Amino acid sequence: DERSYRSPSAAGTCAVDGSPDVLPAAAAPGAPEGLRAVRGF
């Protein structure tokens, strides 16, 4: 049961211009260059 006990979502904190950031792993320093480029795309 992955709903009944879960903490609030991080979407509000991680939002960009009111929309959820769809690719947080792409911002990680160790992320592959191709993955980081997708954020700009």
PDB file of all heavy atoms in Angstrom:
ATOM      1  N   ASP A   1       0.874  -1.171   0.000  1.00  0.00           N
ATOM      2  CA  ASP A   1       0.000   0.000   0.000  1.00  0.00           C
ATOM      3  C   ASP A   1       0.913   1.223   0.000  1.00  0.00           C
ATOM      4  O   ASP A   1       1.510   1.559   1.013  1.00  0.00           O
ATOM      5  CB  ASP A   1      -0.896  -0.012   1.234  1.00  0.00           C
ATOM      6  CG  ASP A   1      -1.800   1.218   1.330  1.00  0.00           C
ATOM      7  OD1 ASP A   1      -1.673   2.120   0.478  1.00  0.00           O
ATOM      8  OD2 ASP A   1      -2.623   1.280   2.268  1.00  0.00           O
ATOM      9  N   GLU A   2       1.032   1.867  -1.141  1.00  0.00           N
ATOM     10  CA  GLU A   2       1.969   2.980  -1.293  1.00  0.00           C
ATOM     11  C   GLU A   2       1.259   4.340  -1.290  1.00  0.00           C
ATOM     12  O   GLU A   2       1.829   5.338  -1.745  1.00  0.00           O
ATOM     13  CB  GLU A   2       2.787   2.785  -2.568  1.00  0.00           C
ATOM     14  CG  GLU A   2       3.650   1.521  -2.470  1.00  0.00           C
ATOM     15  CD  GLU A   2       4.379   1.170  -3.750  1.00  0.00           C
ATOM     16  OE1 GLU A   2       4.234   1.912  -4.737  1.00  0.00           O
ATOM     17  OE2 GLU A   2       5.074   0.137  -3.769  1.00  0.00           O
ATOM     18  N   ARG A   3       0.046   4.371  -0.740  1.00  0.00           N
ATOM     19  CA  ARG A   3      -0.710   5.627  -0.674  1.00  0.00           C
ATOM     20  C   ARG A   3      -1.052   6.026   0.757  1.00  0.00           C
ATOM     21  O   ARG A   3      -0.950   7.195   1.123  1.00  0.00           O
ATOM     22  CB  ARG A   3      -2.009   5.508  -1.481  1.00  0.00           C
ATOM     23  CG  ARG A   3      -1.793   5.521  -2.966  1.00  0.00           C
ATOM     24  CD  ARG A   3      -1.312   6.872  -3.444  1.00  0.00           C
ATOM     25  NE  ARG A   3      -0.759   6.783  -4.795  1.00  0.00           N
ATOM     26  CZ  ARG A   3      -0.156   7.764  -5.416  1.00  0.00           C
ATOM     27  NH1 ARG A   3      -0.013   8.939  -4.835  1.00  0.00           N
ATOM     28  NH2 ARG A   3       0.333   7.612  -6.634  1.00  0.00           N
ATOM     29  N   SER A   4      -1.498   5.094   1.570  1.00  0.00           N
ATOM     30  CA  SER A   4      -2.111   5.428   2.855  1.00  0.00           C
ATOM     31  C   SER A   4      -1.165   6.130   3.816  1.00  0.00           C
ATOM     32  O   SER A   4      -1.597   6.918   4.655  1.00  0.00           O
ATOM     33  CB  SER A   4      -2.665   4.167   3.510  1.00  0.00           C
ATOM     34  OG  SER A   4      -3.722   3.636   2.751  1.00  0.00           O
ATOM     35  N   TYR A   5       0.132   5.848   3.710  1.00  0.00           N
ATOM     36  CA  TYR A   5       1.076   6.327   4.712  1.00  0.00           C
ATOM     37  C   TYR A   5       2.102   7.310   4.165  1.00  0.00           C
ATOM     38  O   TYR A   5       2.973   7.767   4.901  1.00  0.00           O
ATOM     39  CB  TYR A   5       1.804   5.126   5.335  1.00  0.00           C
ATOM     40  CG  TYR A   5       0.867   3.995   5.664  1.00  0.00           C
ATOM     41  CD1 TYR A   5       0.812   2.847   4.875  1.00  0.00           C
ATOM     42  CD2 TYR A   5      -0.002   4.075   6.751  1.00  0.00           C
ATOM     43  CE1 TYR A   5      -0.074   1.815   5.161  1.00  0.00           C
ATOM     44  CE2 TYR A   5      -0.882   3.047   7.051  1.00  0.00           C
ATOM     45  CZ  TYR A   5      -0.921   1.923   6.245  1.00  0.00           C
ATOM     46  OH  TYR A   5      -1.807   0.905   6.525  1.00  0.00           O
ATOM     47  N   ARG A   6       2.014   7.660   2.897  1.00  0.00           N
ATOM     48  CA  ARG A   6       3.093   8.432   2.291  1.00  0.00           C
ATOM     49  C   ARG A   6       3.087   9.890   2.715  1.00  0.00           C
ATOM     50  O   ARG A   6       2.040  10.496   2.962  1.00  0.00           O
ATOM     51  CB  ARG A   6       3.097   8.307   0.768  1.00  0.00           C
ATOM     52  CG  ARG A   6       1.975   8.968   0.046  1.00  0.00           C
ATOM     53  CD  ARG A   6       2.342   9.231  -1.423  1.00  0.00           C
ATOM     54  NE  ARG A   6       2.501   8.032  -2.229  1.00  0.00           N
ATOM     55  CZ  ARG A   6       2.981   8.050  -3.478  1.00  0.00           C
ATOM     56  NH1 ARG A   6       3.343   9.197  -4.043  1.00  0.00           N
ATOM     57  NH2 ARG A   6       3.099   6.936  -4.171  1.00  0.00           N
ATOM     58  N   SER A   7       4.296  10.443   2.753  1.00  0.00           N
ATOM     59  CA  SER A   7       4.502  11.857   3.065  1.00  0.00           C
ATOM     60  C   SER A   7       4.076  12.732   1.888  1.00  0.00           C
ATOM     61  O   SER A   7       3.923  12.253   0.761  1.00  0.00           O
ATOM     62  CB  SER A   7       5.982  12.112   3.368  1.00  0.00           C
ATOM     63  OG  SER A   7       6.421  11.323   4.446  1.00  0.00           O
ATOM     64  N   PRO A   8       3.924  14.045   2.132  1.00  0.00           N
ATOM     65  CA  PRO A   8       3.548  14.941   1.034  1.00  0.00           C
ATOM     66  C   PRO A   8       4.542  14.885  -0.122  1.00  0.00           C
ATOM     67  O   PRO A   8       5.732  14.636   0.056  1.00  0.00           O
ATOM     68  CB  PRO A   8       3.545  16.319   1.699  1.00  0.00           C
ATOM     69  CG  PRO A   8       3.303  16.052   3.148  1.00  0.00           C
ATOM     70  CD  PRO A   8       3.981  14.738   3.429  1.00  0.00           C
ATOM     71  N   SER A   9       4.044  15.135  -1.305  1.00  0.00           N
ATOM     72  CA  SER A   9       4.860  15.125  -2.508  1.00  0.00           C
ATOM     73  C   SER A   9       5.878  16.259  -2.486  1.00  0.00           C
ATOM     74  O   SER A   9       5.655  17.323  -1.891  1.00  0.00           O
ATOM     75  CB  SER A   9       3.965  15.257  -3.742  1.00  0.00           C
ATOM     76  OG  SER A   9       4.719  15.463  -4.906  1.00  0.00           O
ATOM     77  N   ALA A  10       6.988  16.052  -3.200  1.00  0.00           N
ATOM     78  CA  ALA A  10       7.996  17.100  -3.368  1.00  0.00           C
ATOM     79  C   ALA A  10       7.689  18.000  -4.556  1.00  0.00           C
ATOM     80  O   ALA A  10       8.437  18.945  -4.825  1.00  0.00           O
ATOM     81  CB  ALA A  10       9.373  16.460  -3.554  1.00  0.00           C
ATOM     82  N   ALA A  11       6.590  17.738  -5.259  1.00  0.00           N
ATOM     83  CA  ALA A  11       6.325  18.481  -6.487  1.00  0.00           C
ATOM     84  C   ALA A  11       6.213  19.983  -6.237  1.00  0.00           C
ATOM     85  O   ALA A  11       6.687  20.791  -7.035  1.00  0.00           O
ATOM     86  CB  ALA A  11       5.044  17.965  -7.148  1.00  0.00           C
ATOM     87  N   GLY A  12       5.608  20.380  -5.116  1.00  0.00           N
ATOM     88  CA  GLY A  12       5.470  21.806  -4.845  1.00  0.00           C
ATOM     89  C   GLY A  12       6.804  22.497  -4.687  1.00  0.00           C
ATOM     90  O   GLY A  12       7.038  23.574  -5.251  1.00  0.00           O
ATOM     91  N   THR A  13       7.715  21.890  -3.936  1.00  0.00           N
ATOM     92  CA  THR A  13       9.047  22.465  -3.728  1.00  0.00           C
ATOM     93  C   THR A  13       9.872  22.427  -4.995  1.00  0.00           C
ATOM     94  O   THR A  13      10.676  23.333  -5.267  1.00  0.00           O
ATOM     95  CB  THR A  13       9.769  21.711  -2.603  1.00  0.00           C
ATOM     96  OG1 THR A  13       9.006  21.822  -1.403  1.00  0.00           O
ATOM     97  CG2 THR A  13      11.173  22.261  -2.375  1.00  0.00           C
ATOM     98  N   CYS A  14       9.702  21.393  -5.788  1.00  0.00           N
ATOM     99  CA  CYS A  14      10.549  21.192  -6.966  1.00  0.00           C
ATOM    100  C   CYS A  14       9.929  21.755  -8.244  1.00  0.00           C
ATOM    101  O   CYS A  14      10.434  21.510  -9.340  1.00  0.00           O
ATOM    102  CB  CYS A  14      10.826  19.702  -7.147  1.00  0.00           C
ATOM    103  SG  CYS A  14      11.785  18.963  -5.800  1.00  0.00           S
ATOM    104  N   ALA A  15       8.838  22.494  -8.115  1.00  0.00           N
ATOM    105  CA  ALA A  15       8.155  23.023  -9.292  1.00  0.00           C
ATOM    106  C   ALA A  15       8.982  24.100  -9.973  1.00  0.00           C
ATOM    107  O   ALA A  15       9.767  24.805  -9.344  1.00  0.00           O
ATOM    108  CB  ALA A  15       6.791  23.597  -8.897  1.00  0.00           C
ATOM    109  N   VAL A  16       8.796  24.207 -11.276  1.00  0.00           N
ATOM    110  CA  VAL A  16       9.415  25.266 -12.073  1.00  0.00           C
ATOM    111  C   VAL A  16       8.290  26.027 -12.759  1.00  0.00           C
ATOM    112  O   VAL A  16       7.528  25.455 -13.541  1.00  0.00           O
ATOM    113  CB  VAL A  16      10.375  24.687 -13.126  1.00  0.00           C
ATOM    114  CG1 VAL A  16      10.933  25.798 -14.008  1.00  0.00           C
ATOM    115  CG2 VAL A  16      11.503  23.917 -12.446  1.00  0.00           C
ATOM    116  N   ASP A  17       8.159  27.314 -12.439  1.00  0.00           N
ATOM    117  CA  ASP A  17       7.094  28.152 -13.002  1.00  0.00           C
ATOM    118  C   ASP A  17       5.728  27.519 -12.804  1.00  0.00           C
ATOM    119  O   ASP A  17       4.884  27.514 -13.705  1.00  0.00           O
ATOM    120  CB  ASP A  17       7.343  28.403 -14.496  1.00  0.00           C
ATOM    121  CG  ASP A  17       8.613  29.198 -14.731  1.00  0.00           C
ATOM    122  OD1 ASP A  17       8.958  30.022 -13.854  1.00  0.00           O
ATOM    123  OD2 ASP A  17       9.258  28.997 -15.774  1.00  0.00           O
ATOM    124  N   GLY A  18       5.541  26.951 -11.615  1.00  0.00           N
ATOM    125  CA  GLY A  18       4.245  26.384 -11.279  1.00  0.00           C
ATOM    126  C   GLY A  18       4.001  24.996 -11.821  1.00  0.00           C
ATOM    127  O   GLY A  18       2.961  24.403 -11.552  1.00  0.00           O
ATOM    128  N   SER A  19       4.938  24.429 -12.571  1.00  0.00           N
ATOM    129  CA  SER A  19       4.776  23.083 -13.113  1.00  0.00           C
ATOM    130  C   SER A  19       5.841  22.174 -12.522  1.00  0.00           C
ATOM    131  O   SER A  19       6.972  22.598 -12.286  1.00  0.00           O
ATOM    132  CB  SER A  19       4.909  23.093 -14.640  1.00  0.00           C
ATOM    133  OG  SER A  19       3.917  23.914 -15.210  1.00  0.00           O
ATOM    134  N   PRO A  20       5.494  20.898 -12.278  1.00  0.00           N
ATOM    135  CA  PRO A  20       6.503  19.999 -11.724  1.00  0.00           C
ATOM    136  C   PRO A  20       7.702  19.857 -12.651  1.00  0.00           C
ATOM    137  O   PRO A  20       7.557  19.806 -13.862  1.00  0.00           O
ATOM    138  CB  PRO A  20       5.751  18.671 -11.600  1.00  0.00           C
ATOM    139  CG  PRO A  20       4.318  19.051 -11.561  1.00  0.00           C
ATOM    140  CD  PRO A  20       4.187  20.269 -12.411  1.00  0.00           C
ATOM    141  N   ASP A  21       8.872  19.820 -12.063  1.00  0.00           N
ATOM    142  CA  ASP A  21      10.102  19.558 -12.806  1.00  0.00           C
ATOM    143  C   ASP A  21      10.066  18.097 -13.240  1.00  0.00           C
ATOM    144  O   ASP A  21       9.995  17.205 -12.411  1.00  0.00           O
ATOM    145  CB  ASP A  21      11.297  19.820 -11.887  1.00  0.00           C
ATOM    146  CG  ASP A  21      12.630  19.511 -12.549  1.00  0.00           C
ATOM    147  OD1 ASP A  21      12.642  18.960 -13.663  1.00  0.00           O
ATOM    148  OD2 ASP A  21      13.658  19.807 -11.935  1.00  0.00           O
ATOM    149  N   VAL A  22      10.103  17.846 -14.527  1.00  0.00           N
ATOM    150  CA  VAL A  22       9.901  16.478 -14.993  1.00  0.00           C
ATOM    151  C   VAL A  22      11.179  15.641 -15.004  1.00  0.00           C
ATOM    152  O   VAL A  22      11.115  14.439 -15.207  1.00  0.00           O
ATOM    153  CB  VAL A  22       9.287  16.452 -16.406  1.00  0.00           C
ATOM    154  CG1 VAL A  22       7.895  17.044 -16.388  1.00  0.00           C
ATOM    155  CG2 VAL A  22      10.172  17.162 -17.418  1.00  0.00           C
ATOM    156  N   LEU A  23      12.334  16.262 -14.805  1.00  0.00           N
ATOM    157  CA  LEU A  23      13.576  15.507 -14.919  1.00  0.00           C
ATOM    158  C   LEU A  23      14.578  15.897 -13.833  1.00  0.00           C
ATOM    159  O   LEU A  23      15.624  16.470 -14.114  1.00  0.00           O
ATOM    160  CB  LEU A  23      14.214  15.716 -16.298  1.00  0.00           C
ATOM    161  CG  LEU A  23      13.425  15.187 -17.498  1.00  0.00           C
ATOM    162  CD1 LEU A  23      13.949  15.769 -18.789  1.00  0.00           C
ATOM    163  CD2 LEU A  23      13.484  13.672 -17.534  1.00  0.00           C
ATOM    164  N   PRO A  24      14.324  15.599 -12.563  1.00  0.00           N
ATOM    165  CA  PRO A  24      15.263  16.021 -11.523  1.00  0.00           C
ATOM    166  C   PRO A  24      16.597  15.314 -11.608  1.00  0.00           C
ATOM    167  O   PRO A  24      17.634  15.916 -11.340  1.00  0.00           O
ATOM    168  CB  PRO A  24      14.533  15.666 -10.232  1.00  0.00           C
ATOM    169  CG  PRO A  24      13.644  14.544 -10.603  1.00  0.00           C
ATOM    170  CD  PRO A  24      13.198  14.849 -11.999  1.00  0.00           C
ATOM    171  N   ALA A  25      16.607  14.036 -11.992  1.00  0.00           N
ATOM    172  CA  ALA A  25      17.880  13.319 -12.054  1.00  0.00           C
ATOM    173  C   ALA A  25      18.810  13.929 -13.088  1.00  0.00           C
ATOM    174  O   ALA A  25      20.032  13.814 -12.982  1.00  0.00           O
ATOM    175  CB  ALA A  25      17.631  11.844 -12.365  1.00  0.00           C
ATOM    176  N   ALA A  26      18.238  14.586 -14.075  1.00  0.00           N
ATOM    177  CA  ALA A  26      19.069  15.203 -15.101  1.00  0.00           C
ATOM    178  C   ALA A  26      19.859  16.389 -14.583  1.00  0.00           C
ATOM    179  O   ALA A  26      20.800  16.843 -15.223  1.00  0.00           O
ATOM    180  CB  ALA A  26      18.195  15.648 -16.276  1.00  0.00           C
ATOM    181  N   ALA A  27      19.478  16.905 -13.426  1.00  0.00           N
ATOM    182  CA  ALA A  27      20.211  18.037 -12.855  1.00  0.00           C
ATOM    183  C   ALA A  27      21.369  17.593 -11.976  1.00  0.00           C
ATOM    184  O   ALA A  27      22.185  18.414 -11.579  1.00  0.00           O
ATOM    185  CB  ALA A  27      19.253  18.900 -12.028  1.00  0.00           C
ATOM    186  N   ALA A  28      21.431  16.310 -11.670  1.00  0.00           N
ATOM    187  CA  ALA A  28      22.488  15.826 -10.784  1.00  0.00           C
ATOM    188  C   ALA A  28      23.857  15.999 -11.440  1.00  0.00           C
ATOM    189  O   ALA A  28      24.004  15.783 -12.644  1.00  0.00           O
ATOM    190  CB  ALA A  28      22.263  14.361 -10.443  1.00  0.00           C
ATOM    191  N   PRO A  29      24.874  16.393 -10.654  1.00  0.00           N
ATOM    192  CA  PRO A  29      26.202  16.606 -11.244  1.00  0.00           C
ATOM    193  C   PRO A  29      26.744  15.373 -11.954  1.00  0.00           C
ATOM    194  O   PRO A  29      27.461  15.499 -12.945  1.00  0.00           O
ATOM    195  CB  PRO A  29      27.062  16.971 -10.022  1.00  0.00           C
ATOM    196  CG  PRO A  29      26.084  17.538  -9.042  1.00  0.00           C
ATOM    197  CD  PRO A  29      24.817  16.767  -9.239  1.00  0.00           C
ATOM    198  N   GLY A  30      26.382  14.187 -11.459  1.00  0.00           N
ATOM    199  CA  GLY A  30      26.905  12.970 -12.065  1.00  0.00           C
ATOM    200  C   GLY A  30      26.074  12.435 -13.197  1.00  0.00           C
ATOM    201  O   GLY A  30      26.374  11.368 -13.747  1.00  0.00           O
ATOM    202  N   ALA A  31      25.027  13.124 -13.579  1.00  0.00           N
ATOM    203  CA  ALA A  31      24.154  12.637 -14.647  1.00  0.00           C
ATOM    204  C   ALA A  31      24.877  12.671 -15.989  1.00  0.00           C
ATOM    205  O   ALA A  31      25.686  13.570 -16.246  1.00  0.00           O
ATOM    206  CB  ALA A  31      22.891  13.478 -14.715  1.00  0.00           C
ATOM    207  N   PRO A  32      24.596  11.714 -16.844  1.00  0.00           N
ATOM    208  CA  PRO A  32      25.217  11.736 -18.181  1.00  0.00           C
ATOM    209  C   PRO A  32      24.885  13.021 -18.927  1.00  0.00           C
ATOM    210  O   PRO A  32      23.811  13.607 -18.744  1.00  0.00           O
ATOM    211  CB  PRO A  32      24.576  10.521 -18.876  1.00  0.00           C
ATOM    212  CG  PRO A  32      24.118   9.640 -17.758  1.00  0.00           C
ATOM    213  CD  PRO A  32      23.732  10.555 -16.636  1.00  0.00           C
ATOM    214  N   GLU A  33      25.815  13.442 -19.778  1.00  0.00           N
ATOM    215  CA  GLU A  33      25.636  14.707 -20.495  1.00  0.00           C
ATOM    216  C   GLU A  33      24.364  14.698 -21.320  1.00  0.00           C
ATOM    217  O   GLU A  33      23.631  15.698 -21.376  1.00  0.00           O
ATOM    218  CB  GLU A  33      26.848  14.961 -21.397  1.00  0.00           C
ATOM    219  CG  GLU A  33      26.778  16.284 -22.151  1.00  0.00           C
ATOM    220  CD  GLU A  33      28.029  16.533 -22.984  1.00  0.00           C
ATOM    221  OE1 GLU A  33      29.012  15.793 -22.790  1.00  0.00           O
ATOM    222  OE2 GLU A  33      28.000  17.464 -23.812  1.00  0.00           O
ATOM    223  N   GLY A  34      24.050  13.568 -21.947  1.00  0.00           N
ATOM    224  CA  GLY A  34      22.841  13.481 -22.757  1.00  0.00           C
ATOM    225  C   GLY A  34      21.593  13.667 -21.928  1.00  0.00           C
ATOM    226  O   GLY A  34      20.605  14.250 -22.383  1.00  0.00           O
ATOM    227  N   LEU A  35      21.634  13.198 -20.699  1.00  0.00           N
ATOM    228  CA  LEU A  35      20.481  13.347 -19.816  1.00  0.00           C
ATOM    229  C   LEU A  35      20.318  14.791 -19.377  1.00  0.00           C
ATOM    230  O   LEU A  35      19.217  15.340 -19.357  1.00  0.00           O
ATOM    231  CB  LEU A  35      20.649  12.439 -18.600  1.00  0.00           C
ATOM    232  CG  LEU A  35      19.465  12.319 -17.646  1.00  0.00           C
ATOM    233  CD1 LEU A  35      18.243  11.801 -18.373  1.00  0.00           C
ATOM    234  CD2 LEU A  35      19.825  11.399 -16.485  1.00  0.00           C
ATOM    235  N   ARG A  36      21.440  15.442 -19.053  1.00  0.00           N
ATOM    236  CA  ARG A  36      21.376  16.842 -18.626  1.00  0.00           C
ATOM    237  C   ARG A  36      20.862  17.723 -19.771  1.00  0.00           C
ATOM    238  O   ARG A  36      20.144  18.698 -19.550  1.00  0.00           O
ATOM    239  CB  ARG A  36      22.754  17.314 -18.178  1.00  0.00           C
ATOM    240  CG  ARG A  36      23.226  16.637 -16.890  1.00  0.00           C
ATOM    241  CD  ARG A  36      24.648  17.048 -16.518  1.00  0.00           C
ATOM    242  NE  ARG A  36      24.761  18.478 -16.256  1.00  0.00           N
ATOM    243  CZ  ARG A  36      24.466  19.047 -15.079  1.00  0.00           C
ATOM    244  NH1 ARG A  36      24.020  18.308 -14.087  1.00  0.00           N
ATOM    245  NH2 ARG A  36      24.609  20.346 -14.915  1.00  0.00           N
ATOM    246  N   ALA A  37      21.192  17.360 -20.981  1.00  0.00           N
ATOM    247  CA  ALA A  37      20.769  18.167 -22.122  1.00  0.00           C
ATOM    248  C   ALA A  37      19.261  18.135 -22.312  1.00  0.00           C
ATOM    249  O   ALA A  37      18.674  19.078 -22.865  1.00  0.00           O
ATOM    250  CB  ALA A  37      21.456  17.680 -23.392  1.00  0.00           C
ATOM    251  N   VAL A  38      18.632  17.087 -21.858  1.00  0.00           N
ATOM    252  CA  VAL A  38      17.191  16.976 -22.036  1.00  0.00           C
ATOM    253  C   VAL A  38      16.448  18.059 -21.271  1.00  0.00           C
ATOM    254  O   VAL A  38      15.389  18.523 -21.684  1.00  0.00           O
ATOM    255  CB  VAL A  38      16.706  15.571 -21.605  1.00  0.00           C
ATOM    256  CG1 VAL A  38      15.185  15.470 -21.669  1.00  0.00           C
ATOM    257  CG2 VAL A  38      17.326  14.516 -22.502  1.00  0.00           C
ATOM    258  N   ARG A  39      16.996  18.506 -20.150  1.00  0.00           N
ATOM    259  CA  ARG A  39      16.334  19.558 -19.380  1.00  0.00           C
ATOM    260  C   ARG A  39      16.169  20.820 -20.240  1.00  0.00           C
ATOM    261  O   ARG A  39      15.117  21.450 -20.253  1.00  0.00           O
ATOM    262  CB  ARG A  39      17.121  19.875 -18.113  1.00  0.00           C
ATOM    263  CG  ARG A  39      17.018  18.795 -17.055  1.00  0.00           C
ATOM    264  CD  ARG A  39      17.784  19.187 -15.803  1.00  0.00           C
ATOM    265  NE  ARG A  39      17.290  20.415 -15.207  1.00  0.00           N
ATOM    266  CZ  ARG A  39      16.267  20.486 -14.352  1.00  0.00           C
ATOM    267  NH1 ARG A  39      15.619  19.388 -14.034  1.00  0.00           N
ATOM    268  NH2 ARG A  39      15.889  21.627 -13.834  1.00  0.00           N
ATOM    269  N   GLY A  40      17.210  21.148 -20.953  1.00  0.00           N
ATOM    270  CA  GLY A  40      17.093  22.298 -21.829  1.00  0.00           C
ATOM    271  C   GLY A  40      16.128  22.049 -22.973  1.00  0.00           C
ATOM    272  O   GLY A  40      15.399  22.947 -23.397  1.00  0.00           O
ATOM    273  N   PHE A  41      16.075  20.819 -23.443  1.00  0.00           N
ATOM    274  CA  PHE A  41      15.189  20.477 -24.559  1.00  0.00           C
ATOM    275  C   PHE A  41      13.733  20.707 -24.190  1.00  0.00           C
ATOM    276  O   PHE A  41      12.935  21.169 -25.012  1.00  0.00           O
ATOM    277  CB  PHE A  41      15.414  19.021 -24.957  1.00  0.00           C
ATOM    278  CG  PHE A  41      14.487  18.554 -26.047  1.00  0.00           C
ATOM    279  CD1 PHE A  41      14.734  18.876 -27.371  1.00  0.00           C
ATOM    280  CD2 PHE A  41      13.369  17.791 -25.753  1.00  0.00           C
ATOM    281  CE1 PHE A  41      13.886  18.454 -28.379  1.00  0.00           C
ATOM    282  CE2 PHE A  41      12.518  17.360 -26.757  1.00  0.00           C
ATOM    283  CZ  PHE A  41      12.781  17.691 -28.076  1.00  0.00           C
TER     284      PHE A  41
END
